[in-house]
Each structure stands twice: as structure tokens, then as C-alpha cells.
C-alpha atoms as a PDB file:
ATOM      1  CA  MET A   1      56.307 135.254 144.818  1.00  0.00           C
ATOM      2  CA  MET A   2      55.628 136.089 141.156  1.00  0.00           C
ATOM      3  CA  ARG A   3      59.422 136.405 140.523  1.00  0.00           C
ATOM      4  CA  HIS A   4      60.032 132.948 141.979  1.00  0.00           C
ATOM      5  CA  SER A   5      57.193 131.513 139.901  1.00  0.00           C
ATOM      6  CA  TRP A   6      58.704 133.006 136.727  1.00  0.00           C
ATOM      7  CA  LEU A   7      62.088 131.525 137.529  1.00  0.00           C
ATOM      8  CA  ARG A   8      60.535 128.167 138.222  1.00  0.00           C
ATOM      9  CA  ASP A   9      58.575 128.202 134.968  1.00  0.00           C
ATOM     10  CA  ALA A  10      61.655 129.279 133.010  1.00  0.00           C
ATOM     11  CA  ALA A  11      63.725 126.530 134.605  1.00  0.00           C
ATOM     12  CA  LEU A  12      61.077 123.938 133.808  1.00  0.00           C
ATOM     13  CA  ALA A  13      60.873 125.171 130.226  1.00  0.00           C
ATOM     14  CA  MET A  14      64.627 124.990 129.858  1.00  0.00           C
ATOM     15  CA  LEU A  15      64.677 121.476 131.305  1.00  0.00           C
ATOM     16  CA  ALA A  16      61.945 120.420 128.923  1.00  0.00           C
ATOM     17  CA  THR A  17      63.916 121.836 125.996  1.00  0.00           C
ATOM     18  CA  ILE A  18      67.061 119.972 127.056  1.00  0.00           C
ATOM     19  CA  VAL A  19      65.130 116.729 127.401  1.00  0.00           C
ATOM     20  CA  ALA A  20      63.515 117.244 124.004  1.00  0.00           C
ATOM     21  CA  ILE A  21      66.864 117.925 122.375  1.00  0.00           C
ATOM     22  CA  ALA A  22      68.385 114.869 124.048  1.00  0.00           C
ATOM     23  CA  LEU A  23      65.519 112.664 122.960  1.00  0.00           C
ATOM     24  CA  GLY A  24      65.673 114.101 119.471  1.00  0.00           C
ATOM     25  CA  THR A  25      69.390 113.436 119.281  1.00  0.00           C
ATOM     26  CA  ALA A  26      68.944 109.890 120.487  1.00  0.00           C
ATOM     27  CA  ALA A  27      66.182 109.343 117.963  1.00  0.00           C
ATOM     28  CA  ALA A  28      68.368 110.789 115.241  1.00  0.00           C
ATOM     29  CA  LEU A  29      71.218 108.475 116.187  1.00  0.00           C
ATOM     30  CA  VAL A  30      68.900 105.485 116.094  1.00  0.00           C
ATOM     31  CA  MET A  31      67.604 106.606 112.702  1.00  0.00           C
ATOM     32  CA  VAL A  32      71.129 107.058 111.302  1.00  0.00           C
ATOM     33  CA  ALA A  33      72.202 103.663 112.632  1.00  0.00           C
ATOM     34  CA  SER A  34      69.110 102.085 111.138  1.00  0.00           C
ATOM     35  CA  GLN A  35      69.742 103.744 107.774  1.00  0.00           C
ATOM     36  CA  ALA A  36      73.384 102.638 107.794  1.00  0.00           C
ATOM     37  CA  HIS A  37      72.331  99.052 108.487  1.00  0.00           C
ATOM     38  CA  ALA A  38      69.742  99.231 105.721  1.00  0.00           C
ATOM     39  CA  GLN A  39      72.450 100.317 103.286  1.00  0.00           C
ATOM     40  CA  VAL A  40      74.294  97.027 103.768  1.00  0.00           C
ATOM     41  CA  PRO A  41      72.980  94.516 101.196  1.00  0.00           C
ATOM     42  CA  PRO A  42      71.256  91.636 103.004  1.00  0.00           C
ATOM     43  CA  ALA A  43      73.247  89.183 100.886  1.00  0.00           C
ATOM     44  CA  SER A  44      76.440  90.270 102.650  1.00  0.00           C
ATOM     45  CA  ALA A  45      75.453  88.270 105.737  1.00  0.00           C
ATOM     46  CA  ARG A  46      75.585  85.077 103.666  1.00  0.00           C
ATOM     47  CA  TYR A  47      79.279  85.593 102.908  1.00  0.00           C
ATOM     48  CA  LYS A  48      80.468  87.239 106.107  1.00  0.00           C
ATOM     49  CA  LEU A  49      81.987  84.144 107.718  1.00  0.00           C
ATOM     50  CA  THR A  50      83.772  83.183 104.498  1.00  0.00           C
ATOM     51  CA  LEU A  51      85.270  86.652 104.180  1.00  0.00           C
ATOM     52  CA  LEU A  52      86.340  86.652 107.836  1.00  0.00           C
ATOM     53  CA  ARG A  53      87.990  83.241 107.478  1.00  0.00           C
ATOM     54  CA  GLU A  54      89.859  84.139 104.306  1.00  0.00           C
ATOM     55  CA  ALA A  55      90.930  87.564 105.552  1.00  0.00           C
ATOM     56  CA  HIS A  56      92.245  86.284 108.872  1.00  0.00           C
ATOM     57  CA  SER A  57      94.045  83.348 107.270  1.00  0.00           C
ATOM     58  CA  GLN A  58      95.921  85.600 104.843  1.00  0.00           C
ATOM     59  CA  TRP A  59      96.226  88.887 106.754  1.00  0.00           C
ATOM     60  CA  GLY A  60      96.130  87.840 110.404  1.00  0.00           C
ATOM     61  CA  LEU A  61      93.657  88.656 113.153  1.00  0.00           C
ATOM     62  CA  ASP A  62      94.033  92.402 112.543  1.00  0.00           C
ATOM     63  CA  ALA A  63      92.926  92.062 108.925  1.00  0.00           C
ATOM     64  CA  PRO A  64      91.030  95.110 107.614  1.00  0.00           C
ATOM     65  CA  VAL A  65      87.844  93.114 107.113  1.00  0.00           C
ATOM     66  CA  PRO A  66      85.538  96.169 106.956  1.00  0.00           C
ATOM     67  CA  ALA A  67      87.594  97.450 104.024  1.00  0.00           C
ATOM     68  CA  PHE A  68      87.338  94.091 102.245  1.00  0.00           C
ATOM     69  CA  ALA A  69      83.578  93.998 102.821  1.00  0.00           C
ATOM     70  CA  ALA A  70      83.333  97.534 101.451  1.00  0.00           C
ATOM     71  CA  GLN A  71      85.371  96.440  98.440  1.00  0.00           C
ATOM     72  CA  VAL A  72      82.943  93.612  97.652  1.00  0.00           C
ATOM     73  CA  HIS A  73      80.095  96.077  98.147  1.00  0.00           C
ATOM     74  CA  GLN A  74      81.697  98.425  95.640  1.00  0.00           C
ATOM     75  CA  GLU A  75      82.667  95.756  93.139  1.00  0.00           C
ATOM     76  CA  SER A  76      79.514  93.667  92.894  1.00  0.00           C
ATOM     77  CA  GLY A  77      77.003  94.664  95.544  1.00  0.00           C
ATOM     78  CA  TRP A  78      77.502  91.126  96.942  1.00  0.00           C
ATOM     79  CA  ARG A  79      76.114  89.518  93.767  1.00  0.00           C
ATOM     80  CA  PRO A  80      78.178  86.435  92.781  1.00  0.00           C
ATOM     81  CA  GLU A  81      76.516  86.333  89.364  1.00  0.00           C
ATOM     82  CA  ALA A  82      77.553  89.917  88.524  1.00  0.00           C
ATOM     83  CA  ILE A  83      79.223  90.571  85.156  1.00  0.00           C
ATOM     84  CA  SER A  84      80.404  94.072  84.279  1.00  0.00           C
ATOM     85  CA  TYR A  85      80.189  95.652  80.848  1.00  0.00           C
ATOM     86  CA  VAL A  86      83.931  94.993  80.358  1.00  0.00           C
ATOM     87  CA  GLY A  87      83.645  91.332  81.388  1.00  0.00           C
ATOM     88  CA  ALA A  88      84.698  91.404  85.061  1.00  0.00           C
ATOM     89  CA  ARG A  89      82.991  88.603  86.962  1.00  0.00           C
ATOM     90  CA  GLY A  90      81.745  87.527  90.374  1.00  0.00           C
ATOM     91  CA  LEU A  91      81.773  89.034  93.852  1.00  0.00           C
ATOM     92  CA  ALA A  92      85.280  90.434  93.392  1.00  0.00           C
ATOM     93  CA  GLN A  93      84.880  91.338  89.694  1.00  0.00           C
ATOM     94  CA  PHE A  94      88.015  89.611  88.449  1.00  0.00           C
ATOM     95  CA  MET A  95      88.759  90.061  84.769  1.00  0.00           C
ATOM     96  CA  PRO A  96      89.239  86.654  83.060  1.00  0.00           C
ATOM     97  CA  ALA A  97      92.907  87.350  82.304  1.00  0.00           C
ATOM     98  CA  THR A  98      93.596  88.419  85.884  1.00  0.00           C
ATOM     99  CA  ALA A  99      91.803  85.364  87.251  1.00  0.00           C
ATOM    100  CA  THR A 100      93.852  83.086  84.984  1.00  0.00           C
ATOM    101  CA  TRP A 101      97.098  84.773  86.041  1.00  0.00           C
ATOM    102  CA  TRP A 102      96.196  84.597  89.728  1.00  0.00           C
ATOM    103  CA  CYS A 103      95.246  80.914  89.555  1.00  0.00           C
ATOM    104  CA  ALA A 104      98.503  80.085  87.770  1.00  0.00           C
ATOM    105  CA  ARG A 105     100.436  82.030  90.396  1.00  0.00           C
ATOM    106  CA  GLU A 106      98.659  80.193  93.214  1.00  0.00           C
ATOM    107  CA  GLY A 107      98.900  76.780  91.568  1.00  0.00           C
ATOM    108  CA  THR A 108      95.130  76.493  91.165  1.00  0.00           C
ATOM    109  CA  ALA A 109      93.941  74.179  88.412  1.00  0.00           C
ATOM    110  CA  ALA A 110      92.057  75.836  85.562  1.00  0.00           C
ATOM    111  CA  ALA A 111      88.956  73.810  86.423  1.00  0.00           C
ATOM    112  CA  ASP A 112      89.006  75.318  89.927  1.00  0.00           C
ATOM    113  CA  CYS A 113      89.540  78.907  88.759  1.00  0.00           C
ATOM    114  CA  LEU A 114      85.980  80.081  89.331  1.00  0.00           C
ATOM    115  CA  PRO A 115      85.341  83.855  89.630  1.00  0.00           C
ATOM    116  CA  HIS A 116      81.605  83.247  90.046  1.00  0.00           C
ATOM    117  CA  ASN A 117      82.196  80.929  93.010  1.00  0.00           C
ATOM    118  CA  PRO A 118      81.888  83.107  96.161  1.00  0.00           C
ATOM    119  CA  SER A 119      84.520  81.198  98.130  1.00  0.00           C
ATOM    120  CA  TRP A 120      87.041  81.388  95.305  1.00  0.00           C
ATOM    121  CA  ALA A 121      86.272  85.067  94.705  1.00  0.00           C
ATOM    122  CA  LEU A 122      86.700  86.135  98.332  1.00  0.00           C
ATOM    123  CA  ARG A 123      89.860  84.065  98.786  1.00  0.00           C
ATOM    124  CA  ALA A 124      91.344  85.461  95.588  1.00  0.00           C
ATOM    125  CA  MET A 125      90.355  89.040  96.378  1.00  0.00           C
ATOM    126  CA  VAL A 126      91.951  89.203  99.827  1.00  0.00           C
ATOM    127  CA  GLY A 127      94.973  87.314  98.501  1.00  0.00           C
ATOM    128  CA  TYR A 128      95.416  89.673  95.566  1.00  0.00           C
ATOM    129  CA  ASP A 129      94.935  92.640  97.913  1.00  0.00           C
ATOM    130  CA  LYS A 130      97.703  91.234 100.125  1.00  0.00           C
ATOM    131  CA  HIS A 131      99.967  90.787  97.112  1.00  0.00           C
ATOM    132  CA  LEU A 132      99.395  94.404  96.100  1.00  0.00           C
ATOM    133  CA  TYR A 133      99.743  95.655  99.689  1.00  0.00           C
ATOM    134  CA  ASP A 134     103.081  93.904 100.155  1.00  0.00           C
ATOM    135  CA  ARG A 135     104.393  95.732  97.095  1.00  0.00           C
ATOM    136  CA  THR A 136     103.601  99.199  98.479  1.00  0.00           C
ATOM    137  CA  PRO A 137     106.272 101.268 100.295  1.00  0.00           C
ATOM    138  CA  ALA A 138     106.862  99.892 103.801  1.00  0.00           C
ATOM    139  CA  ARG A 139     107.672 103.423 105.024  1.00  0.00           C
ATOM    140  CA  MET A 140     104.014 104.427 104.682  1.00  0.00           C
ATOM    141  CA  SER A 141     101.228 103.888 107.183  1.00  0.00           C
ATOM    142  CA  ARG A 142      99.218 100.740 106.704  1.00  0.00           C
ATOM    143  CA  TYR A 143      96.213 102.888 105.750  1.00  0.00           C
ATOM    144  CA  ASP A 144      98.135 104.599 102.932  1.00  0.00           C
ATOM    145  CA  ARG A 145      99.539 101.260 101.801  1.00  0.00           C
ATOM    146  CA  LEU A 146      96.033  99.790 101.675  1.00  0.00           C
ATOM    147  CA  TRP A 147      94.891 102.879  99.751  1.00  0.00           C
ATOM    148  CA  LEU A 148      97.577 102.320  97.104  1.00  0.00           C
ATOM    149  CA  ALA A 149      96.849  98.585  97.001  1.00  0.00           C
ATOM    150  CA  LEU A 150      93.225  99.375  96.206  1.00  0.00           C
ATOM    151  CA  ARG A 151      94.316 101.764  93.471  1.00  0.00           C
ATOM    152  CA  GLY A 152      96.354  98.897  92.071  1.00  0.00           C
ATOM    153  CA  TYR A 153      93.389  96.523  92.244  1.00  0.00           C
ATOM    154  CA  ASN A 154      91.283  98.992  90.312  1.00  0.00           C
ATOM    155  CA  GLY A 155      93.742 100.291  87.751  1.00  0.00           C
ATOM    156  CA  GLY A 156      96.976  98.332  87.914  1.00  0.00           C
ATOM    157  CA  GLU A 157      99.848  98.887  90.327  1.00  0.00           C
ATOM    158  CA  GLY A 158     102.258  99.767  87.527  1.00  0.00           C
ATOM    159  CA  HIS A 159     100.378 103.000  86.921  1.00  0.00           C
ATOM    160  CA  TRP A 160     100.639 104.454  90.413  1.00  0.00           C
ATOM    161  CA  GLN A 161     104.254 103.277  90.660  1.00  0.00           C
ATOM    162  CA  ALA A 162     105.148 105.088  87.431  1.00  0.00           C
ATOM    163  CA  GLU A 163     103.250 108.170  88.587  1.00  0.00           C
ATOM    164  CA  GLY A 164     105.178 108.128  91.840  1.00  0.00           C
ATOM    165  CA  ARG A 165     108.440 108.224  89.893  1.00  0.00           C
ATOM    166  CA  THR A 166     107.323 111.343  88.027  1.00  0.00           C
ATOM    167  CA  THR A 167     107.404 113.290  91.305  1.00  0.00           C
ATOM    168  CA  GLY A 168     111.196 113.134  91.219  1.00  0.00           C
ATOM    169  CA  LEU A 169     111.163 112.327  94.941  1.00  0.00           C
ATOM    170  CA  ALA A 170     112.992 109.402  96.492  1.00  0.00           C
ATOM    171  CA  ALA A 171     110.173 108.783  98.954  1.00  0.00           C
ATOM    172  CA  PRO A 172     106.943 110.459  97.795  1.00  0.00           C
ATOM    173  CA  THR A 173     103.959 110.355 100.117  1.00  0.00           C
ATOM    174  CA  ARG A 174     100.762 108.635  99.161  1.00  0.00           C
ATOM    175  CA  GLN A 175      99.172 112.057  98.671  1.00  0.00           C
ATOM    176  CA  GLN A 176     101.977 113.115  96.329  1.00  0.00           C
ATOM    177  CA  ILE A 177     101.564 109.907  94.348  1.00  0.00           C
ATOM    178  CA  ASP A 178      97.826 110.549  94.104  1.00  0.00           C
ATOM    179  CA  ALA A 179      98.482 114.106  92.920  1.00  0.00           C
ATOM    180  CA  ALA A 180     100.701 112.726  90.130  1.00  0.00           C
ATOM    181  CA  CYS A 181      97.882 110.643  88.647  1.00  0.00           C
ATOM    182  CA  GLY A 182      97.861 110.918  84.869  1.00  0.00           C
ATOM    183  CA  ARG A 183     101.467 112.079  84.553  1.00  0.00           C
ATOM    184  CA  ALA A 184     102.802 108.728  83.314  1.00  0.00           C
ATOM    185  CA  ARG A 185     101.131 106.018  81.204  1.00  0.00           C
ATOM    186  CA  ARG A 186      97.611 106.438  82.605  1.00  0.00           C
ATOM    187  CA  ALA A 187      95.313 108.807  80.736  1.00  0.00           C
ATOM    188  CA  THR A 188      94.166 111.647  82.989  1.00  0.00           C
ATOM    189  CA  VAL A 189      90.553 110.870  82.162  1.00  0.00           C
ATOM    190  CA  HIS A 190      90.850 107.651  84.203  1.00  0.00           C
ATOM    191  CA  CYS A 191      92.152 109.359  87.351  1.00  0.00           C
ATOM    192  CA  LYS A 192      88.729 110.269  88.706  1.00  0.00           C
ATOM    193  CA  GLU A 193      87.694 106.619  88.818  1.00  0.00           C
ATOM    194  CA  ASN A 194      91.008 105.313  90.104  1.00  0.00           C
ATOM    195  CA  LEU A 195      91.373 107.900  92.871  1.00  0.00           C
ATOM    196  CA  GLY A 196      87.710 107.567  93.744  1.00  0.00           C
ATOM    197  CA  TYR A 197      87.951 103.797  94.193  1.00  0.00           C
ATOM    198  CA  PRO A 198      89.883 103.737  97.511  1.00  0.00           C
ATOM    199  CA  ARG A 199      88.025 106.825  98.674  1.00  0.00           C
ATOM    200  CA  ARG A 200      84.672 105.168  98.101  1.00  0.00           C
ATOM    201  CA  ILE A 201      85.789 101.974  99.869  1.00  0.00           C
ATOM    202  CA  LEU A 202      87.747 103.349 102.827  1.00  0.00           C
ATOM    203  CA  ILE A 203      85.803 106.536 103.503  1.00  0.00           C
ATOM    204  CA  ASP A 204      82.249 106.044 102.253  1.00  0.00           C
ATOM    205  CA  LEU A 205      81.554 102.313 102.557  1.00  0.00           C
ATOM    206  CA  GLN A 206      83.915 100.965 105.233  1.00  0.00           C
ATOM    207  CA  PRO A 207      81.961 102.541 108.158  1.00  0.00           C
ATOM    208  CA  ARG A 208      78.898 100.490 107.201  1.00  0.00           C
ATOM    209  CA  TYR A 209      80.862  97.317 108.017  1.00  0.00           C
ATOM    210  CA  ALA A 210      82.536  98.616 111.184  1.00  0.00           C
ATOM    211  CA  THR A 211      81.197  95.704 113.240  1.00  0.00           C
ATOM    212  CA  TRP A 212      82.963  93.178 111.020  1.00  0.00           C
ATOM    213  CA  GLY A 213      86.443  93.777 112.405  1.00  0.00           C
ATOM    214  CA  ALA A 214      89.352  96.200 112.626  1.00  0.00           C
ATOM    215  CA  ALA A 215      88.871  99.274 110.449  1.00  0.00           C
ATOM    216  CA  TRP A 216      92.233 100.750 109.548  1.00  0.00           C
ATOM    217  CA  GLN A 217      92.303 104.506 110.009  1.00  0.00           C
ATOM    218  CA  PRO A 218      94.565 107.258 108.587  1.00  0.00           C
END
């Protein structure tokens, strides 16, 4: 009788432990989800529909919207009035010269070239991203192509293209191109920022916007 009682008590204790662990895990998941949501600037909700519309119109229904949202997060924190110390402006942080070039390319009148206007900024950002993406090697996965496009947005596509040529390979991988950073015209000191830009967007920030659409994966 005592042996059976001990087994029963042990079983009940084990069950209680399992339940506690399960409840703790569930609570932890709720807490993590809540923290992730809190890390998304409230202002992002104001521009979500505009970003979705522009992304889908230029990239199709499978547009990597979470990556674009993460890019805005990284660039300006969803602040249309943002101006960087080097003069980049608006939600997408276009430099004045780049904005002028992009508007001329798109046939946009100078009076309508407005980096501080959220609609213009989001349309221009996803359009410029598409331009850069289309100029990446088609042999690569779409994730790696988006990675290189983001490097181009941050530091100029000519740099990573020149670095790719220094590998001496006819078809270097994205990782090999990354490893060649600083071997061409770009100063090595700038590689940390340029390589960190797509990493921050696609790895650190993109999961926070996972509910916004298709998140491209490696």
C-alpha cells in the first residue's frame, strides 16, 4: 500500500511538473510574441497598406513585403521627416542625388520628386530595390539576389559587382562575393556596415513583420 502511494505521489508530481513547464513555455511564447510586436514602431501601421500596394504592383503578389518593411524600419524607423547626418531623407532615406536620378529615370517631374512624402518614398524604394534585384545574377536564389540588392541600396551595386570580379570566378556565390568585400574600390572599413545592412534587414528585422506577407528564406 505504501509503495503504491509513493508511485501515485511521484506520478502526480511528475504530471504537475510537466504542466508547469508547458504553462511556462506557453507564457514565454506569449511574452516573446508580445515583445516582438512591441518592437514594431506603431507608425508602421499607418503606412502598411501603401507599402503592400506598391510592393505588389511592382514585384507581384509574392513580393517580399516583410523585407521591405524591415528596410524602412532600418532606414528611418518609419519617420517620414527623418534626415540623416549625410543628408539622406524620408522613410526610405534617399540621398538627394539618388532621388533626382531616380525621378529622371521614372519620368517624374522635379516638383513631384518628394523623398519626405511617404507614398513617393515607399514607391521609389520598392522600385529601386526591384531595379537592383533585376541586375543581380539570375543563377542565384531569390534570397541571395535580394541580399545583394540590399547591399547595392546601401553602398552602391558597382562595389559588390567589382568585388565579385576579384574572386576570379565566372560564377561566384553570394557568400564568395561577400567575402571579397573591400578587395576592389570599396574601403575595407565600410564592409562592416555594408555586409551588416542585409543581415540586419533579412535576419534581425524581417521576422517582426512576418504577418505582412511572404518572407523570402535562404
